Structures are given as structure tokens and as C-alpha cells.
Amino acid sequence: MQNLTLTWQSAGGAAAGLYAGAYVASRVRKPSLSALLREAGTLLALFALWQLVGHLSVMSADHALDRASWIHHTEQVIGLPDEASWQAAVTPYPVLVRLANYYYAVMHFAVMLGVLLWVFLRHRERYAWVRNTVVITTAVCLLVQFIPVAPPRMLPESGFVDVAAEYGQSVYGGAVGGVVVADQLSAMPSVHVAWCVLAAVAVVRVSRSSLRWVVVLHPVATVAVVVVTANHFWADGIVAVAILLFAYGVLALAARRRGRASVETETRPRSGAEERLEQVG
């Protein structure tokens, strides 16, 4: 399933092409097309950064497995369910395992892209809020991911199995000479969880349809999938949701400040020059 993903070079090149197309569209006075291409380029640029961060780190990757083991142990100490037992309950059913691997590989990006496109085309006035949430959330997740943390599937001694590799559905490259590829050590936090919750909140907040609550099934399915495929711990998802809440807080604070500035501008006394200009107009 490697062909279902883009490398950071491919995503970055596609983003540059979309930005170039947006510039050309703006020059020929096609503002709607320009805006659509620009926003698509921004999404691909974020994806490229996400892929690139997997190859970089501010700390040695040598202790990525130790950090994963510490997370697993801490979860058990505080009483969270053991992810290995959840995975063990599903592995006897190959169809469910294959579906989980496929959902993990495809739906993460496809649903976010679909939600952004829908908001852009149908609810343009709310698009900036959704897009800015994606940008802030993803940027903070990428900063945290500079500290390498291995996913559960790399801890076979704790009972985890790399089911994607077993079924030939892994979206990650294999080890080279026994060395784990670096982009597999970005498990904390889970961008999959952050994006699925973000997409669901966006649809519920923006849509007025009574069917909008169906989208809640997406984060429920995603959380189950990332656990049973042993790609993330519960903690990875918890930290991701905390980052998403931080992004909402930042945007709410910014909106409050803009509102306050707007009120102050409308209520401040006008100068004599401004009054004369109004009379002339």
C-alpha cells in the first residue's frame, strides 16, 4: 500500500505547482480558481512538512523505543485499557484487519480533503476558521514530533503486532539493513486523531443538516483503527486532542481581540479632518 502515500518531495512539488497555478489564475482574473488552488497548495505543503518531519529530529532516535515503552507502562499504571488486548481481539478476523489497515492508510487524508473542499465551496465564510485550525494544529503536532517516539507495533515484546506489514498493507518503508526508517518514529502525537476530530467538529459546527452527526463515526472509527493496527497509543490521541483544543483557544482569543479592536475603531471620536472628508464625500 506504499503507493497510497506521497513522499514529502512529491507533495512539496505538487504544492509549488498549485501555488504557481494560483498565481497564474489571479493574473488572468480568476479569483475563485486562484483561491481554490492556493488552499489546495497549502494543504499539500502541510502534508509535505508532516512527511519531512518524520526524517528529522531534535533528539536521537536511539531512545524512541524506550519512550514508547514508557508511554505504554504509564498508561497501564494509570488504568488505561491495554492496546495490545484490543488488537488481539481483532487479529483473528483478517477482513477486519485489512479494513482497519486500509482505513488508516486512506481515510485520514481523504476525509480532511473532502471536508475542506466542502467548506470552501459551500460555506466560504467559515473556511478560514477551519483552515486556520488545521494549520495551527498540524504545526504544533509537527513541533512535538521532532522528538522521536516509536509506535506500539514496534514493541513485539509488549504483545503488539505490525498487522499492516503482515498483510502487505504498510504505508511505511521497511527497515534498511536492520535500521528502522525514521519517518516511522513520529507516533506522538497522533495527527490521524487530531485531524479526524477536527473534521468532525467542522462538519457539526458548519452544517445545519440533521445528518451532520453521522460524521462523528469518523473519529470513533479512526481511534479504533489506530489502536488495533498498533500505530498509536491512547496517549498519542489524547495529546493530539489537547493540541486541537489549544488551536481552538488561539483562534477564539484572536477573534475576541479583533472584535474588541473593531468596537474601539467604531466608537472612538472622529477627528475634524475625518468629519470634513465625510462631508465632502
C-alpha atoms as a PDB file:
ATOM      1  CA  MET A   1       0.000   0.000   0.000  1.00  0.00           C
ATOM      2  CA  GLN A   2       3.039   2.225  -0.258  1.00  0.00           C
ATOM      3  CA  ASN A   3       1.661   3.807  -3.443  1.00  0.00           C
ATOM      4  CA  LEU A   4      -1.220   5.359  -1.477  1.00  0.00           C
ATOM      5  CA  THR A   5       1.124   7.900   0.089  1.00  0.00           C
ATOM      6  CA  LEU A   6       3.129  10.837  -1.225  1.00  0.00           C
ATOM      7  CA  THR A   7       6.731  11.492  -0.319  1.00  0.00           C
ATOM      8  CA  TRP A   8       7.495  14.928   1.082  1.00  0.00           C
ATOM      9  CA  GLN A   9       9.310  15.750  -2.171  1.00  0.00           C
ATOM     10  CA  SER A  10       6.280  14.832  -4.288  1.00  0.00           C
ATOM     11  CA  ALA A  11       3.864  16.666  -2.005  1.00  0.00           C
ATOM     12  CA  GLY A  12       6.120  19.723  -1.890  1.00  0.00           C
ATOM     13  CA  GLY A  13       6.485  19.764  -5.680  1.00  0.00           C
ATOM     14  CA  ALA A  14       2.718  19.448  -6.127  1.00  0.00           C
ATOM     15  CA  ALA A  15       2.172  22.275  -3.622  1.00  0.00           C
ATOM     16  CA  ALA A  16       4.584  24.512  -5.544  1.00  0.00           C
ATOM     17  CA  GLY A  17       2.746  23.708  -8.767  1.00  0.00           C
ATOM     18  CA  LEU A  18      -0.592  24.592  -7.204  1.00  0.00           C
ATOM     19  CA  TYR A  19       0.770  27.885  -5.873  1.00  0.00           C
ATOM     20  CA  ALA A  20       2.072  28.679  -9.346  1.00  0.00           C
ATOM     21  CA  GLY A  21      -1.328  27.873 -10.811  1.00  0.00           C
ATOM     22  CA  ALA A  22      -2.966  30.126  -8.215  1.00  0.00           C
ATOM     23  CA  TYR A  23      -0.682  32.983  -9.242  1.00  0.00           C
ATOM     24  CA  VAL A  24      -1.482  32.493 -12.919  1.00  0.00           C
ATOM     25  CA  ALA A  25      -5.217  32.335 -12.181  1.00  0.00           C
ATOM     26  CA  SER A  26      -5.015  35.576 -10.219  1.00  0.00           C
ATOM     27  CA  ARG A  27      -3.226  37.276 -13.118  1.00  0.00           C
ATOM     28  CA  VAL A  28      -5.977  36.270 -15.543  1.00  0.00           C
ATOM     29  CA  ARG A  29      -8.592  37.446 -13.042  1.00  0.00           C
ATOM     30  CA  LYS A  30      -9.974  34.104 -11.933  1.00  0.00           C
ATOM     31  CA  PRO A  31     -10.168  34.779  -8.175  1.00  0.00           C
ATOM     32  CA  SER A  32     -12.226  31.716  -7.255  1.00  0.00           C
ATOM     33  CA  LEU A  33      -9.903  29.338  -9.104  1.00  0.00           C
ATOM     34  CA  SER A  34      -6.874  31.119  -7.649  1.00  0.00           C
ATOM     35  CA  ALA A  35      -8.211  30.758  -4.109  1.00  0.00           C
ATOM     36  CA  LEU A  36      -9.017  27.068  -4.616  1.00  0.00           C
ATOM     37  CA  LEU A  37      -5.551  26.290  -5.995  1.00  0.00           C
ATOM     38  CA  ARG A  38      -3.872  28.268  -3.221  1.00  0.00           C
ATOM     39  CA  GLU A  39      -5.749  26.452  -0.478  1.00  0.00           C
ATOM     40  CA  ALA A  40      -5.052  23.054  -2.065  1.00  0.00           C
ATOM     41  CA  GLY A  41      -1.380  24.019  -2.222  1.00  0.00           C
ATOM     42  CA  THR A  42      -1.425  24.951   1.459  1.00  0.00           C
ATOM     43  CA  LEU A  43      -2.857  21.561   2.410  1.00  0.00           C
ATOM     44  CA  LEU A  44      -0.254  19.708   0.366  1.00  0.00           C
ATOM     45  CA  ALA A  45       2.507  21.889   1.828  1.00  0.00           C
ATOM     46  CA  LEU A  46       1.373  20.888   5.326  1.00  0.00           C
ATOM     47  CA  PHE A  47       1.396  17.245   4.268  1.00  0.00           C
ATOM     48  CA  ALA A  48       4.913  17.659   2.880  1.00  0.00           C
ATOM     49  CA  LEU A  49       6.081  19.168   6.163  1.00  0.00           C
ATOM     50  CA  TRP A  50       4.477  16.298   8.069  1.00  0.00           C
ATOM     51  CA  GLN A  51       6.351  13.793   5.911  1.00  0.00           C
ATOM     52  CA  LEU A  52       9.603  15.749   6.194  1.00  0.00           C
ATOM     53  CA  VAL A  53       9.471  15.982   9.985  1.00  0.00           C
ATOM     54  CA  GLY A  54       9.490  12.196  10.061  1.00  0.00           C
ATOM     55  CA  HIS A  55      13.039  12.321   8.722  1.00  0.00           C
ATOM     56  CA  LEU A  56      14.248  14.965  11.169  1.00  0.00           C
ATOM     57  CA  SER A  57      14.512  15.167  14.933  1.00  0.00           C
ATOM     58  CA  VAL A  58      15.973  17.361  17.636  1.00  0.00           C
ATOM     59  CA  MET A  59      16.860  14.286  19.689  1.00  0.00           C
ATOM     60  CA  SER A  60      18.466  10.966  18.914  1.00  0.00           C
ATOM     61  CA  ALA A  61      16.190   8.242  17.570  1.00  0.00           C
ATOM     62  CA  ASP A  62      18.057   5.717  19.716  1.00  0.00           C
ATOM     63  CA  HIS A  63      15.598   6.116  22.603  1.00  0.00           C
ATOM     64  CA  ALA A  64      12.384   6.200  20.531  1.00  0.00           C
ATOM     65  CA  LEU A  65      11.575   2.639  21.603  1.00  0.00           C
ATOM     66  CA  ASP A  66      12.310   3.478  25.237  1.00  0.00           C
ATOM     67  CA  ARG A  67       9.892   6.395  25.087  1.00  0.00           C
ATOM     68  CA  ALA A  68       7.214   4.159  23.575  1.00  0.00           C
ATOM     69  CA  SER A  69       7.742   1.563  26.312  1.00  0.00           C
ATOM     70  CA  TRP A  70       7.490   4.294  28.957  1.00  0.00           C
ATOM     71  CA  ILE A  71       4.189   5.535  27.480  1.00  0.00           C
ATOM     72  CA  HIS A  72       2.768   2.001  27.445  1.00  0.00           C
ATOM     73  CA  HIS A  73       3.850   1.370  31.018  1.00  0.00           C
ATOM     74  CA  THR A  74       2.469   4.708  32.235  1.00  0.00           C
ATOM     75  CA  GLU A  75      -0.901   4.024  30.597  1.00  0.00           C
ATOM     76  CA  GLN A  76      -1.117   0.712  32.420  1.00  0.00           C
ATOM     77  CA  VAL A  77      -0.181   2.334  35.733  1.00  0.00           C
ATOM     78  CA  ILE A  78      -2.980   4.916  35.453  1.00  0.00           C
ATOM     79  CA  GLY A  79      -5.502   2.267  34.371  1.00  0.00           C
ATOM     80  CA  LEU A  80      -5.998   2.859  30.647  1.00  0.00           C
ATOM     81  CA  PRO A  81      -7.011  -0.230  28.619  1.00  0.00           C
ATOM     82  CA  ASP A  82      -4.096  -2.162  27.148  1.00  0.00           C
ATOM     83  CA  GLU A  83      -3.966  -1.510  23.394  1.00  0.00           C
ATOM     84  CA  ALA A  84      -2.398  -4.940  22.855  1.00  0.00           C
ATOM     85  CA  SER A  85      -5.543  -6.638  24.173  1.00  0.00           C
ATOM     86  CA  TRP A  86      -7.700  -4.581  21.794  1.00  0.00           C
ATOM     87  CA  GLN A  87      -5.521  -5.635  18.898  1.00  0.00           C
ATOM     88  CA  ALA A  88      -5.585  -9.274  19.997  1.00  0.00           C
ATOM     89  CA  ALA A  89      -9.392  -9.207  19.893  1.00  0.00           C
ATOM     90  CA  VAL A  90      -9.353  -8.210  16.210  1.00  0.00           C
ATOM     91  CA  THR A  91      -6.412 -10.149  14.745  1.00  0.00           C
ATOM     92  CA  PRO A  92      -8.382 -13.439  14.427  1.00  0.00           C
ATOM     93  CA  TYR A  93     -10.560 -11.699  11.798  1.00  0.00           C
ATOM     94  CA  PRO A  94      -8.488 -10.999   8.644  1.00  0.00           C
ATOM     95  CA  VAL A  95     -11.252  -8.992   6.957  1.00  0.00           C
ATOM     96  CA  LEU A  96     -11.421  -6.566   9.888  1.00  0.00           C
ATOM     97  CA  VAL A  97      -7.643  -6.274   9.980  1.00  0.00           C
ATOM     98  CA  ARG A  98      -7.444  -5.483   6.268  1.00  0.00           C
ATOM     99  CA  LEU A  99     -10.234  -2.915   6.555  1.00  0.00           C
ATOM    100  CA  ALA A 100      -8.501  -1.289   9.522  1.00  0.00           C
ATOM    101  CA  ASN A 101      -5.191  -1.085   7.639  1.00  0.00           C
ATOM    102  CA  TYR A 102      -6.948   0.419   4.621  1.00  0.00           C
ATOM    103  CA  TYR A 103      -8.856   2.953   6.720  1.00  0.00           C
ATOM    104  CA  TYR A 104      -5.634   4.044   8.402  1.00  0.00           C
ATOM    105  CA  ALA A 105      -3.861   4.495   5.073  1.00  0.00           C
ATOM    106  CA  VAL A 106      -6.586   6.244   3.082  1.00  0.00           C
ATOM    107  CA  MET A 107      -9.325   7.907   5.097  1.00  0.00           C
ATOM    108  CA  HIS A 108      -7.094  10.184   7.180  1.00  0.00           C
ATOM    109  CA  PHE A 109      -6.189  12.442   4.264  1.00  0.00           C
ATOM    110  CA  ALA A 110      -9.258  11.798   2.105  1.00  0.00           C
ATOM    111  CA  VAL A 111     -11.808  12.885   4.734  1.00  0.00           C
ATOM    112  CA  MET A 112      -9.865  16.037   5.653  1.00  0.00           C
ATOM    113  CA  LEU A 113      -9.517  16.976   1.995  1.00  0.00           C
ATOM    114  CA  GLY A 114     -13.228  16.351   1.429  1.00  0.00           C
ATOM    115  CA  VAL A 115     -14.262  18.458   4.432  1.00  0.00           C
ATOM    116  CA  LEU A 116     -12.019  21.351   3.422  1.00  0.00           C
ATOM    117  CA  LEU A 117     -13.318  21.258  -0.156  1.00  0.00           C
ATOM    118  CA  TRP A 118     -16.936  21.132   1.040  1.00  0.00           C
ATOM    119  CA  VAL A 119     -16.494  24.089   3.406  1.00  0.00           C
ATOM    120  CA  PHE A 120     -14.619  26.065   0.740  1.00  0.00           C
ATOM    121  CA  LEU A 121     -17.310  25.547  -1.911  1.00  0.00           C
ATOM    122  CA  ARG A 122     -20.457  25.621   0.230  1.00  0.00           C
ATOM    123  CA  HIS A 123     -19.611  27.677   3.332  1.00  0.00           C
ATOM    124  CA  ARG A 124     -16.830  30.033   2.271  1.00  0.00           C
ATOM    125  CA  GLU A 125     -17.412  32.381   5.227  1.00  0.00           C
ATOM    126  CA  ARG A 126     -16.405  29.585   7.641  1.00  0.00           C
ATOM    127  CA  TYR A 127     -13.484  28.284   5.618  1.00  0.00           C
ATOM    128  CA  ALA A 128     -10.797  30.488   7.199  1.00  0.00           C
ATOM    129  CA  TRP A 129     -11.714  29.188  10.665  1.00  0.00           C
ATOM    130  CA  VAL A 130     -11.433  25.546   9.567  1.00  0.00           C
ATOM    131  CA  ARG A 131      -8.234  26.085   7.582  1.00  0.00           C
ATOM    132  CA  ASN A 132      -6.541  28.043  10.365  1.00  0.00           C
ATOM    133  CA  THR A 133      -7.445  25.290  12.824  1.00  0.00           C
ATOM    134  CA  VAL A 134      -5.794  22.739  10.536  1.00  0.00           C
ATOM    135  CA  VAL A 135      -2.671  24.874  10.174  1.00  0.00           C
ATOM    136  CA  ILE A 136      -2.208  25.585  13.899  1.00  0.00           C
ATOM    137  CA  THR A 137      -2.996  22.028  14.989  1.00  0.00           C
ATOM    138  CA  THR A 138      -0.709  20.449  12.413  1.00  0.00           C
ATOM    139  CA  ALA A 139       2.129  22.893  13.104  1.00  0.00           C
ATOM    140  CA  VAL A 140       2.098  22.168  16.849  1.00  0.00           C
ATOM    141  CA  CYS A 141       1.891  18.413  16.218  1.00  0.00           C
ATOM    142  CA  LEU A 142       4.918  18.676  13.939  1.00  0.00           C
ATOM    143  CA  LEU A 143       6.896  20.512  16.603  1.00  0.00           C
ATOM    144  CA  VAL A 144       6.189  17.745  19.123  1.00  0.00           C
ATOM    145  CA  GLN A 145       7.094  15.097  16.570  1.00  0.00           C
ATOM    146  CA  PHE A 146      10.658  16.373  16.394  1.00  0.00           C
ATOM    147  CA  ILE A 147      11.098  14.187  19.494  1.00  0.00           C
ATOM    148  CA  PRO A 148      11.047  10.637  18.070  1.00  0.00           C
ATOM    149  CA  VAL A 149       8.610   8.181  19.634  1.00  0.00           C
ATOM    150  CA  ALA A 150       8.073   4.694  18.235  1.00  0.00           C
ATOM    151  CA  PRO A 151       4.566   3.355  17.557  1.00  0.00           C
ATOM    152  CA  PRO A 152       3.256   0.357  19.523  1.00  0.00           C
ATOM    153  CA  ARG A 153       3.747  -2.006  16.556  1.00  0.00           C
ATOM    154  CA  MET A 154       7.496  -1.754  17.187  1.00  0.00           C
ATOM    155  CA  LEU A 155       7.098  -3.312  20.637  1.00  0.00           C
ATOM    156  CA  PRO A 156       6.505  -7.024  19.944  1.00  0.00           C
ATOM    157  CA  GLU A 157       7.753  -7.854  23.430  1.00  0.00           C
ATOM    158  CA  SER A 158       4.677  -5.998  24.784  1.00  0.00           C
ATOM    159  CA  GLY A 159       2.311  -8.115  22.698  1.00  0.00           C
ATOM    160  CA  PHE A 160       1.904  -5.814  19.689  1.00  0.00           C
ATOM    161  CA  VAL A 161       1.896  -7.000  16.074  1.00  0.00           C
ATOM    162  CA  ASP A 162       2.622  -4.960  12.936  1.00  0.00           C
ATOM    163  CA  VAL A 163      -0.526  -6.139  11.155  1.00  0.00           C
ATOM    164  CA  ALA A 164      -0.038  -3.765   8.202  1.00  0.00           C
ATOM    165  CA  ALA A 165       3.332  -5.335   7.431  1.00  0.00           C
ATOM    166  CA  GLU A 166       1.898  -8.830   7.904  1.00  0.00           C
ATOM    167  CA  TYR A 167      -0.845  -8.190   5.344  1.00  0.00           C
ATOM    168  CA  GLY A 168       1.362  -6.244   2.925  1.00  0.00           C
ATOM    169  CA  GLN A 169      -0.581  -3.038   3.539  1.00  0.00           C
ATOM    170  CA  SER A 170       2.054  -0.934   5.281  1.00  0.00           C
ATOM    171  CA  VAL A 171       2.297   2.704   4.175  1.00  0.00           C
ATOM    172  CA  TYR A 172       5.822   2.854   5.588  1.00  0.00           C
ATOM    173  CA  GLY A 173       9.036   1.670   4.044  1.00  0.00           C
ATOM    174  CA  GLY A 174      10.671  -1.341   5.572  1.00  0.00           C
ATOM    175  CA  ALA A 175      13.851  -1.339   7.589  1.00  0.00           C
ATOM    176  CA  VAL A 176      17.087  -0.920   5.653  1.00  0.00           C
ATOM    177  CA  GLY A 177      19.923  -3.066   6.915  1.00  0.00           C
ATOM    178  CA  GLY A 178      18.041  -3.599  10.156  1.00  0.00           C
ATOM    179  CA  VAL A 179      17.683   0.162  10.743  1.00  0.00           C
ATOM    180  CA  VAL A 180      14.159   1.497  11.212  1.00  0.00           C
ATOM    181  CA  VAL A 181      13.147   4.177   8.699  1.00  0.00           C
ATOM    182  CA  ALA A 182      12.984   7.491  10.566  1.00  0.00           C
ATOM    183  CA  ASP A 183       9.518   8.522   9.406  1.00  0.00           C
ATOM    184  CA  GLN A 184       8.043   5.708  11.476  1.00  0.00           C
ATOM    185  CA  LEU A 185       9.112   7.393  14.719  1.00  0.00           C
ATOM    186  CA  SER A 186       6.536  10.206  14.717  1.00  0.00           C
ATOM    187  CA  ALA A 187       3.816   8.454  16.707  1.00  0.00           C
ATOM    188  CA  MET A 188       3.403  11.192  19.344  1.00  0.00           C
ATOM    189  CA  PRO A 189       1.031  12.955  18.912  1.00  0.00           C
ATOM    190  CA  SER A 190      -1.367  11.267  16.502  1.00  0.00           C
ATOM    191  CA  VAL A 191      -2.133  13.603  13.597  1.00  0.00           C
ATOM    192  CA  HIS A 192      -4.675  10.998  12.484  1.00  0.00           C
ATOM    193  CA  VAL A 193      -6.662  11.584  15.667  1.00  0.00           C
ATOM    194  CA  ALA A 194      -6.228  15.367  15.594  1.00  0.00           C
ATOM    195  CA  TRP A 195      -7.467  15.623  12.027  1.00  0.00           C
ATOM    196  CA  CYS A 196     -10.411  13.238  12.405  1.00  0.00           C
ATOM    197  CA  VAL A 197     -11.752  15.116  15.448  1.00  0.00           C
ATOM    198  CA  LEU A 198     -11.140  18.443  13.699  1.00  0.00           C
ATOM    199  CA  ALA A 199     -13.057  17.278  10.613  1.00  0.00           C
ATOM    200  CA  ALA A 200     -15.989  16.088  12.710  1.00  0.00           C
ATOM    201  CA  VAL A 201     -16.163  19.328  14.709  1.00  0.00           C
ATOM    202  CA  ALA A 202     -16.030  21.358  11.489  1.00  0.00           C
ATOM    203  CA  VAL A 203     -18.943  19.488   9.924  1.00  0.00           C
ATOM    204  CA  VAL A 204     -21.063  19.642  13.094  1.00  0.00           C
ATOM    205  CA  ARG A 205     -20.385  23.371  13.559  1.00  0.00           C
ATOM    206  CA  VAL A 206     -20.802  24.426   9.936  1.00  0.00           C
ATOM    207  CA  SER A 207     -23.580  22.176   8.624  1.00  0.00           C
ATOM    208  CA  ARG A 208     -27.236  22.607   9.529  1.00  0.00           C
ATOM    209  CA  SER A 209     -28.298  19.181   8.289  1.00  0.00           C
ATOM    210  CA  SER A 210     -29.741  16.736  10.799  1.00  0.00           C
ATOM    211  CA  LEU A 211     -27.421  14.123   9.259  1.00  0.00           C
ATOM    212  CA  ARG A 212     -24.282  16.041  10.213  1.00  0.00           C
ATOM    213  CA  TRP A 213     -23.850  13.954  13.373  1.00  0.00           C
ATOM    214  CA  VAL A 214     -23.052  10.914  11.233  1.00  0.00           C
ATOM    215  CA  VAL A 215     -19.561  12.386  10.813  1.00  0.00           C
ATOM    216  CA  VAL A 216     -18.874  11.555  14.484  1.00  0.00           C
ATOM    217  CA  LEU A 217     -18.438   7.957  13.326  1.00  0.00           C
ATOM    218  CA  HIS A 218     -15.208   9.014  11.605  1.00  0.00           C
ATOM    219  CA  PRO A 219     -13.240   9.883  14.778  1.00  0.00           C
ATOM    220  CA  VAL A 220     -14.706   6.849  16.532  1.00  0.00           C
ATOM    221  CA  ALA A 221     -13.554   4.593  13.688  1.00  0.00           C
ATOM    222  CA  THR A 222     -10.175   6.320  13.441  1.00  0.00           C
ATOM    223  CA  VAL A 223      -9.369   5.948  17.134  1.00  0.00           C
ATOM    224  CA  ALA A 224     -10.313   2.260  16.982  1.00  0.00           C
ATOM    225  CA  VAL A 225      -8.247   1.775  13.829  1.00  0.00           C
ATOM    226  CA  VAL A 226      -5.058   3.449  15.071  1.00  0.00           C
ATOM    227  CA  VAL A 227      -5.220   1.276  18.200  1.00  0.00           C
ATOM    228  CA  VAL A 228      -5.965  -2.120  16.626  1.00  0.00           C
ATOM    229  CA  THR A 229      -3.327  -1.551  13.933  1.00  0.00           C
ATOM    230  CA  ALA A 230      -0.849  -0.677  16.727  1.00  0.00           C
ATOM    231  CA  ASN A 231       0.071   2.622  15.102  1.00  0.00           C
ATOM    232  CA  HIS A 232      -0.729   4.751  18.167  1.00  0.00           C
ATOM    233  CA  PHE A 233      -1.179   4.599  21.916  1.00  0.00           C
ATOM    234  CA  TRP A 234      -4.174   6.174  23.668  1.00  0.00           C
ATOM    235  CA  ALA A 235      -1.764   8.861  24.876  1.00  0.00           C
ATOM    236  CA  ASP A 236      -0.908   9.846  21.300  1.00  0.00           C
ATOM    237  CA  GLY A 237      -4.576  10.620  20.662  1.00  0.00           C
ATOM    238  CA  ILE A 238      -5.093  12.377  23.997  1.00  0.00           C
ATOM    239  CA  VAL A 239      -2.181  14.732  23.345  1.00  0.00           C
ATOM    240  CA  ALA A 240      -3.455  15.342  19.801  1.00  0.00           C
ATOM    241  CA  VAL A 241      -6.899  16.388  21.072  1.00  0.00           C
ATOM    242  CA  ALA A 242      -5.264  18.662  23.663  1.00  0.00           C
ATOM    243  CA  ILE A 243      -3.338  20.364  20.835  1.00  0.00           C
ATOM    244  CA  LEU A 244      -6.578  20.755  18.865  1.00  0.00           C
ATOM    245  CA  LEU A 245      -8.225  22.424  21.883  1.00  0.00           C
ATOM    246  CA  PHE A 246      -5.225  24.740  22.120  1.00  0.00           C
ATOM    247  CA  ALA A 247      -5.739  25.711  18.455  1.00  0.00           C
ATOM    248  CA  TYR A 248      -9.409  26.485  19.110  1.00  0.00           C
ATOM    249  CA  GLY A 249      -8.367  28.624  22.086  1.00  0.00           C
ATOM    250  CA  VAL A 250      -5.862  30.578  19.998  1.00  0.00           C
ATOM    251  CA  LEU A 251      -8.457  31.262  17.295  1.00  0.00           C
ATOM    252  CA  ALA A 252     -11.108  32.267  19.851  1.00  0.00           C
ATOM    253  CA  LEU A 253      -8.682  34.684  21.513  1.00  0.00           C
ATOM    254  CA  ALA A 254      -7.712  36.167  18.147  1.00  0.00           C
ATOM    255  CA  ALA A 255     -11.387  36.612  17.202  1.00  0.00           C
ATOM    256  CA  ARG A 256     -12.102  38.303  20.544  1.00  0.00           C
ATOM    257  CA  ARG A 257      -9.243  40.735  20.045  1.00  0.00           C
ATOM    258  CA  ARG A 258     -10.380  41.528  16.506  1.00  0.00           C
ATOM    259  CA  GLY A 259     -13.889  42.184  17.791  1.00  0.00           C
ATOM    260  CA  ARG A 260     -12.584  44.462  20.533  1.00  0.00           C
ATOM    261  CA  ALA A 261     -10.414  46.379  18.049  1.00  0.00           C
ATOM    262  CA  SER A 262     -13.381  46.777  15.710  1.00  0.00           C
ATOM    263  CA  VAL A 263     -15.582  48.181  18.502  1.00  0.00           C
ATOM    264  CA  GLU A 264     -12.857  50.619  19.556  1.00  0.00           C
ATOM    265  CA  THR A 265     -12.477  51.821  15.967  1.00  0.00           C
ATOM    266  CA  GLU A 266     -16.221  52.384  15.595  1.00  0.00           C
ATOM    267  CA  THR A 267     -16.656  54.186  18.921  1.00  0.00           C
ATOM    268  CA  ARG A 268     -13.552  56.406  19.027  1.00  0.00           C
ATOM    269  CA  PRO A 269     -14.185  60.142  18.415  1.00  0.00           C
ATOM    270  CA  ARG A 270     -13.641  61.212  14.836  1.00  0.00           C
ATOM    271  CA  SER A 271     -11.140  63.936  14.077  1.00  0.00           C
ATOM    272  CA  GLY A 272     -12.157  67.141  12.351  1.00  0.00           C
ATOM    273  CA  ALA A 273     -10.343  66.029   9.208  1.00  0.00           C
ATOM    274  CA  GLU A 274     -12.342  62.802   9.094  1.00  0.00           C
ATOM    275  CA  GLU A 275     -15.629  64.720   9.519  1.00  0.00           C
ATOM    276  CA  ARG A 276     -14.708  67.125   6.706  1.00  0.00           C
ATOM    277  CA  LEU A 277     -13.804  64.218   4.413  1.00  0.00           C
ATOM    278  CA  GLU A 278     -17.182  62.595   5.166  1.00  0.00           C
ATOM    279  CA  GLN A 279     -18.996  65.822   4.347  1.00  0.00           C
ATOM    280  CA  VAL A 280     -17.081  66.203   1.086  1.00  0.00           C
ATOM    281  CA  GLY A 281     -17.909  62.563   0.195  1.00  0.00           C
END
